[in-house]
């Protein structure tokens, strides 16, 4: 079983309230959503993603259920993998956490790609993956909706695969949250 260091430092707990979720709790949370966690296009947001433990476990589940043999060509399979990568979103207030989360997510994606295609990532694929992760794992504040990198409000990109092309549709976080209120 994986072990997650829950406290990086006393200062971070005091100053930012940072306590990482245990691996078992992460797995239990993902279990609660059942098969939805394994759908390649099901979207998940961690508004306090820390260094990406929840998001990487979720991505692991999605990628473990992914099989390219169901697709008639490699390009379509690669597109679905990009949608899978683009289905996880995170926000954190600490820059070092965002850097670590992005690296962790890209590593998981690269490993899965290599296993599925029995090859290393193509240059254009890794650039696309890096771009998606840079748009989906955001250095900002989920309470104020501030994106610290851009200086604007948080915008999330929805990734779509149409006519064999990967595209994106941008959504303001305020609009997404107002739509989800019942």
C-alpha atoms as a PDB file:
ATOM      1  CA  UNK A   1       0.000   0.000   0.000  1.00  0.00           C
ATOM      2  CA  UNK A   2       1.176   3.493  -0.815  1.00  0.00           C
ATOM      3  CA  UNK A   3       2.086   5.768   2.053  1.00  0.00           C
ATOM      4  CA  UNK A   4       1.491   9.480   1.733  1.00  0.00           C
ATOM      5  CA  UNK A   5       3.337  11.895   3.948  1.00  0.00           C
ATOM      6  CA  UNK A   6       0.412  13.796   5.440  1.00  0.00           C
ATOM      7  CA  UNK A   7       2.340  16.687   6.958  1.00  0.00           C
ATOM      8  CA  UNK A   8       5.229  18.329   5.107  1.00  0.00           C
ATOM      9  CA  UNK A   9       6.016  20.799   7.897  1.00  0.00           C
ATOM     10  CA  UNK A  10       4.452  22.316  10.974  1.00  0.00           C
ATOM     11  CA  UNK A  11       4.797  25.750   9.374  1.00  0.00           C
ATOM     12  CA  UNK A  12       2.717  24.686   6.347  1.00  0.00           C
ATOM     13  CA  UNK A  13       0.004  23.293   8.617  1.00  0.00           C
ATOM     14  CA  UNK A  14      -0.068  26.481  10.694  1.00  0.00           C
ATOM     15  CA  UNK A  15       0.215  28.933   7.818  1.00  0.00           C
ATOM     16  CA  UNK A  16      -1.857  27.208   5.125  1.00  0.00           C
ATOM     17  CA  UNK A  17      -3.778  24.423   6.884  1.00  0.00           C
ATOM     18  CA  UNK A  18      -2.019  21.916   4.651  1.00  0.00           C
ATOM     19  CA  UNK A  19      -2.551  18.278   5.616  1.00  0.00           C
ATOM     20  CA  UNK A  20      -2.414  15.708   2.833  1.00  0.00           C
ATOM     21  CA  UNK A  21      -5.155  13.098   2.635  1.00  0.00           C
ATOM     22  CA  UNK A  22      -4.076   9.531   3.417  1.00  0.00           C
ATOM     23  CA  UNK A  23      -3.895   7.006   0.582  1.00  0.00           C
ATOM     24  CA  UNK A  24      -6.626   4.848   2.144  1.00  0.00           C
ATOM     25  CA  UNK A  25      -8.984   7.826   2.417  1.00  0.00           C
ATOM     26  CA  UNK A  26      -8.276   8.752  -1.212  1.00  0.00           C
ATOM     27  CA  UNK A  27      -9.101   5.199  -2.324  1.00  0.00           C
ATOM     28  CA  UNK A  28     -12.288   5.192  -0.221  1.00  0.00           C
ATOM     29  CA  UNK A  29     -13.434   8.480  -1.762  1.00  0.00           C
ATOM     30  CA  UNK A  30     -12.792   7.223  -5.281  1.00  0.00           C
ATOM     31  CA  UNK A  31     -14.646   3.991  -4.444  1.00  0.00           C
ATOM     32  CA  UNK A  32     -17.715   6.069  -3.531  1.00  0.00           C
ATOM     33  CA  UNK A  33     -18.172   7.189  -7.130  1.00  0.00           C
ATOM     34  CA  UNK A  34     -17.760   3.637  -8.412  1.00  0.00           C
ATOM     35  CA  UNK A  35     -17.468   3.096 -12.148  1.00  0.00           C
ATOM     36  CA  UNK A  36     -17.772   6.849 -12.787  1.00  0.00           C
ATOM     37  CA  UNK A  37     -14.118   7.136 -11.724  1.00  0.00           C
ATOM     38  CA  UNK A  38     -13.133   4.809 -14.556  1.00  0.00           C
ATOM     39  CA  UNK A  39     -14.916   6.611 -17.376  1.00  0.00           C
ATOM     40  CA  UNK A  40     -12.330   8.347 -19.509  1.00  0.00           C
ATOM     41  CA  UNK A  41     -14.435  11.505 -19.881  1.00  0.00           C
ATOM     42  CA  UNK A  42     -15.845  11.827 -16.335  1.00  0.00           C
ATOM     43  CA  UNK A  43     -14.618  15.109 -14.877  1.00  0.00           C
ATOM     44  CA  UNK A  44     -13.273  15.574 -11.346  1.00  0.00           C
ATOM     45  CA  UNK A  45     -12.066  18.670  -9.502  1.00  0.00           C
ATOM     46  CA  UNK A  46      -9.909  18.732  -6.377  1.00  0.00           C
ATOM     47  CA  UNK A  47     -10.167  22.347  -5.117  1.00  0.00           C
ATOM     48  CA  UNK A  48      -7.240  21.870  -2.708  1.00  0.00           C
ATOM     49  CA  UNK A  49      -5.172  19.376  -4.688  1.00  0.00           C
ATOM     50  CA  UNK A  50      -1.904  19.786  -2.821  1.00  0.00           C
ATOM     51  CA  UNK A  51       0.799  17.858  -4.625  1.00  0.00           C
ATOM     52  CA  UNK A  52      -1.710  15.807  -6.607  1.00  0.00           C
ATOM     53  CA  UNK A  53      -2.181  12.623  -4.596  1.00  0.00           C
ATOM     54  CA  UNK A  54      -5.940  12.416  -5.134  1.00  0.00           C
ATOM     55  CA  UNK A  55      -5.699  13.406  -8.808  1.00  0.00           C
ATOM     56  CA  UNK A  56      -2.912  10.932  -9.560  1.00  0.00           C
ATOM     57  CA  UNK A  57      -4.825   8.080  -7.860  1.00  0.00           C
ATOM     58  CA  UNK A  58      -7.901   9.006  -9.861  1.00  0.00           C
ATOM     59  CA  UNK A  59      -5.876   9.137 -13.080  1.00  0.00           C
ATOM     60  CA  UNK A  60      -4.385   5.732 -12.223  1.00  0.00           C
ATOM     61  CA  UNK A  61      -7.898   4.268 -11.970  1.00  0.00           C
ATOM     62  CA  UNK A  62      -8.995   5.833 -15.240  1.00  0.00           C
ATOM     63  CA  UNK A  63      -5.869   4.668 -17.069  1.00  0.00           C
ATOM     64  CA  UNK A  64      -6.001   1.154 -15.594  1.00  0.00           C
ATOM     65  CA  UNK A  65      -9.411   0.630 -17.186  1.00  0.00           C
ATOM     66  CA  UNK A  66      -8.297   2.071 -20.520  1.00  0.00           C
ATOM     67  CA  UNK A  67      -7.802  -0.287 -23.427  1.00  0.00           C
ATOM     68  CA  UNK A  68      -6.827   0.840 -26.900  1.00  0.00           C
ATOM     69  CA  UNK A  69      -7.905  -2.370 -28.582  1.00  0.00           C
ATOM     70  CA  UNK A  70     -11.483  -1.055 -28.680  1.00  0.00           C
ATOM     71  CA  UNK A  71     -10.459   1.744 -31.052  1.00  0.00           C
ATOM     72  CA  UNK A  72     -10.028   1.291 -34.770  1.00  0.00           C
ATOM     73  CA  UNK A  73      -6.846   3.350 -34.924  1.00  0.00           C
ATOM     74  CA  UNK A  74      -4.012   4.601 -32.779  1.00  0.00           C
ATOM     75  CA  UNK A  75      -4.820   8.277 -33.341  1.00  0.00           C
ATOM     76  CA  UNK A  76      -8.334   7.833 -31.922  1.00  0.00           C
ATOM     77  CA  UNK A  77      -6.959   5.952 -28.919  1.00  0.00           C
ATOM     78  CA  UNK A  78      -4.401   8.705 -28.324  1.00  0.00           C
ATOM     79  CA  UNK A  79      -7.182  11.299 -28.492  1.00  0.00           C
ATOM     80  CA  UNK A  80      -9.216   9.425 -25.881  1.00  0.00           C
ATOM     81  CA  UNK A  81      -6.124   9.271 -23.670  1.00  0.00           C
ATOM     82  CA  UNK A  82      -5.781  13.040 -23.938  1.00  0.00           C
ATOM     83  CA  UNK A  83      -9.439  13.444 -22.951  1.00  0.00           C
ATOM     84  CA  UNK A  84      -8.731  11.162 -19.974  1.00  0.00           C
ATOM     85  CA  UNK A  85      -5.830  13.375 -18.934  1.00  0.00           C
ATOM     86  CA  UNK A  86      -7.979  16.456 -19.480  1.00  0.00           C
ATOM     87  CA  UNK A  87     -10.785  15.144 -17.253  1.00  0.00           C
ATOM     88  CA  UNK A  88      -8.998  15.865 -13.978  1.00  0.00           C
ATOM     89  CA  UNK A  89      -8.748  19.355 -12.530  1.00  0.00           C
ATOM     90  CA  UNK A  90      -6.995  20.748  -9.484  1.00  0.00           C
ATOM     91  CA  UNK A  91      -6.335  24.029  -7.718  1.00  0.00           C
ATOM     92  CA  UNK A  92      -3.817  24.777  -4.992  1.00  0.00           C
ATOM     93  CA  UNK A  93      -2.487  27.923  -3.283  1.00  0.00           C
ATOM     94  CA  UNK A  94       1.101  26.699  -3.004  1.00  0.00           C
ATOM     95  CA  UNK A  95       3.269  26.882  -6.123  1.00  0.00           C
ATOM     96  CA  UNK A  96       5.536  23.991  -5.113  1.00  0.00           C
ATOM     97  CA  UNK A  97       2.473  21.752  -4.772  1.00  0.00           C
ATOM     98  CA  UNK A  98       1.288  22.694  -8.259  1.00  0.00           C
ATOM     99  CA  UNK A  99       4.704  21.955  -9.767  1.00  0.00           C
ATOM    100  CA  UNK A 100       4.830  18.588  -7.993  1.00  0.00           C
ATOM    101  CA  UNK A 101       1.234  17.733  -8.969  1.00  0.00           C
ATOM    102  CA  UNK A 102       1.880  18.528 -12.630  1.00  0.00           C
ATOM    103  CA  UNK A 103       5.041  16.413 -12.679  1.00  0.00           C
ATOM    104  CA  UNK A 104       3.254  13.525 -10.944  1.00  0.00           C
ATOM    105  CA  UNK A 105       0.309  13.609 -13.366  1.00  0.00           C
ATOM    106  CA  UNK A 106       2.572  13.801 -16.440  1.00  0.00           C
ATOM    107  CA  UNK A 107       4.678  10.887 -15.164  1.00  0.00           C
ATOM    108  CA  UNK A 108       1.573   8.720 -14.676  1.00  0.00           C
ATOM    109  CA  UNK A 109       0.313   9.667 -18.143  1.00  0.00           C
ATOM    110  CA  UNK A 110       3.715   8.969 -19.768  1.00  0.00           C
ATOM    111  CA  UNK A 111       3.986   5.571 -18.094  1.00  0.00           C
ATOM    112  CA  UNK A 112       0.476   4.590 -19.190  1.00  0.00           C
ATOM    113  CA  UNK A 113       1.128   5.782 -22.737  1.00  0.00           C
ATOM    114  CA  UNK A 114       4.344   3.746 -22.942  1.00  0.00           C
ATOM    115  CA  UNK A 115       2.525   0.662 -21.683  1.00  0.00           C
ATOM    116  CA  UNK A 116      -0.474   1.046 -24.018  1.00  0.00           C
ATOM    117  CA  UNK A 117       1.522   1.813 -27.158  1.00  0.00           C
ATOM    118  CA  UNK A 118       4.729  -0.015 -26.230  1.00  0.00           C
ATOM    119  CA  UNK A 119       6.647   3.168 -27.029  1.00  0.00           C
ATOM    120  CA  UNK A 120       7.744   6.471 -25.585  1.00  0.00           C
ATOM    121  CA  UNK A 121       5.597   9.547 -26.005  1.00  0.00           C
ATOM    122  CA  UNK A 122       5.880  11.394 -29.267  1.00  0.00           C
ATOM    123  CA  UNK A 123       7.154  14.974 -28.952  1.00  0.00           C
ATOM    124  CA  UNK A 124       3.822  16.474 -30.006  1.00  0.00           C
ATOM    125  CA  UNK A 125       1.951  14.226 -27.561  1.00  0.00           C
ATOM    126  CA  UNK A 126       4.065  15.228 -24.559  1.00  0.00           C
ATOM    127  CA  UNK A 127       3.727  18.909 -25.499  1.00  0.00           C
ATOM    128  CA  UNK A 128      -0.058  18.494 -25.711  1.00  0.00           C
ATOM    129  CA  UNK A 129      -0.101  16.650 -22.375  1.00  0.00           C
ATOM    130  CA  UNK A 130       1.994  19.375 -20.732  1.00  0.00           C
ATOM    131  CA  UNK A 131      -0.347  22.036 -22.108  1.00  0.00           C
ATOM    132  CA  UNK A 132      -3.449  20.229 -20.836  1.00  0.00           C
ATOM    133  CA  UNK A 133      -1.935  19.775 -17.389  1.00  0.00           C
ATOM    134  CA  UNK A 134      -0.869  23.440 -17.269  1.00  0.00           C
ATOM    135  CA  UNK A 135      -4.482  24.457 -17.956  1.00  0.00           C
ATOM    136  CA  UNK A 136      -6.084  21.920 -15.584  1.00  0.00           C
ATOM    137  CA  UNK A 137      -3.788  21.986 -12.538  1.00  0.00           C
ATOM    138  CA  UNK A 138      -3.976  25.607 -11.460  1.00  0.00           C
ATOM    139  CA  UNK A 139      -1.934  27.702  -9.052  1.00  0.00           C
ATOM    140  CA  UNK A 140      -4.698  29.712  -7.472  1.00  0.00           C
ATOM    141  CA  UNK A 141      -7.380  30.014  -4.820  1.00  0.00           C
ATOM    142  CA  UNK A 142     -10.572  27.955  -5.069  1.00  0.00           C
ATOM    143  CA  UNK A 143     -12.378  30.276  -2.641  1.00  0.00           C
ATOM    144  CA  UNK A 144     -11.667  33.579  -4.389  1.00  0.00           C
ATOM    145  CA  UNK A 145     -11.405  32.042  -7.907  1.00  0.00           C
ATOM    146  CA  UNK A 146      -8.082  33.853  -8.442  1.00  0.00           C
ATOM    147  CA  UNK A 147      -5.558  32.310 -10.816  1.00  0.00           C
ATOM    148  CA  UNK A 148      -2.203  33.402  -9.379  1.00  0.00           C
ATOM    149  CA  UNK A 149      -0.297  32.626 -12.597  1.00  0.00           C
ATOM    150  CA  UNK A 150      -2.458  34.684 -14.945  1.00  0.00           C
ATOM    151  CA  UNK A 151      -3.685  37.307 -12.488  1.00  0.00           C
ATOM    152  CA  UNK A 152      -7.242  36.662 -13.701  1.00  0.00           C
ATOM    153  CA  UNK A 153     -10.067  34.472 -12.495  1.00  0.00           C
ATOM    154  CA  UNK A 154      -9.747  30.697 -12.837  1.00  0.00           C
ATOM    155  CA  UNK A 155     -10.702  29.386 -16.264  1.00  0.00           C
ATOM    156  CA  UNK A 156     -10.975  25.651 -16.812  1.00  0.00           C
ATOM    157  CA  UNK A 157     -10.649  24.062 -20.217  1.00  0.00           C
ATOM    158  CA  UNK A 158     -12.949  21.277 -21.296  1.00  0.00           C
ATOM    159  CA  UNK A 159     -11.150  18.997 -23.741  1.00  0.00           C
ATOM    160  CA  UNK A 160     -13.052  17.569 -26.700  1.00  0.00           C
ATOM    161  CA  UNK A 161     -12.059  15.237 -29.510  1.00  0.00           C
ATOM    162  CA  UNK A 162     -13.989  15.897 -32.729  1.00  0.00           C
ATOM    163  CA  UNK A 163     -13.129  14.953 -36.285  1.00  0.00           C
ATOM    164  CA  UNK A 164      -9.853  13.432 -35.077  1.00  0.00           C
ATOM    165  CA  UNK A 165      -8.768  16.794 -33.586  1.00  0.00           C
ATOM    166  CA  UNK A 166      -8.291  17.729 -29.949  1.00  0.00           C
ATOM    167  CA  UNK A 167      -9.899  21.023 -29.010  1.00  0.00           C
ATOM    168  CA  UNK A 168     -10.841  22.982 -25.923  1.00  0.00           C
ATOM    169  CA  UNK A 169     -13.743  24.994 -24.638  1.00  0.00           C
ATOM    170  CA  UNK A 170     -12.967  27.452 -21.835  1.00  0.00           C
ATOM    171  CA  UNK A 171     -15.311  27.894 -18.877  1.00  0.00           C
ATOM    172  CA  UNK A 172     -15.166  30.447 -16.066  1.00  0.00           C
ATOM    173  CA  UNK A 173     -15.158  28.690 -12.696  1.00  0.00           C
ATOM    174  CA  UNK A 174     -17.953  31.002 -11.488  1.00  0.00           C
ATOM    175  CA  UNK A 175     -20.175  29.830 -14.358  1.00  0.00           C
ATOM    176  CA  UNK A 176     -19.421  26.164 -13.673  1.00  0.00           C
ATOM    177  CA  UNK A 177     -20.237  26.509  -9.989  1.00  0.00           C
ATOM    178  CA  UNK A 178     -23.454  28.460 -10.579  1.00  0.00           C
ATOM    179  CA  UNK A 179     -24.679  25.717 -12.932  1.00  0.00           C
ATOM    180  CA  UNK A 180     -24.050  22.972 -10.384  1.00  0.00           C
ATOM    181  CA  UNK A 181     -26.078  24.526  -7.556  1.00  0.00           C
ATOM    182  CA  UNK A 182     -29.440  22.895  -6.945  1.00  0.00           C
END
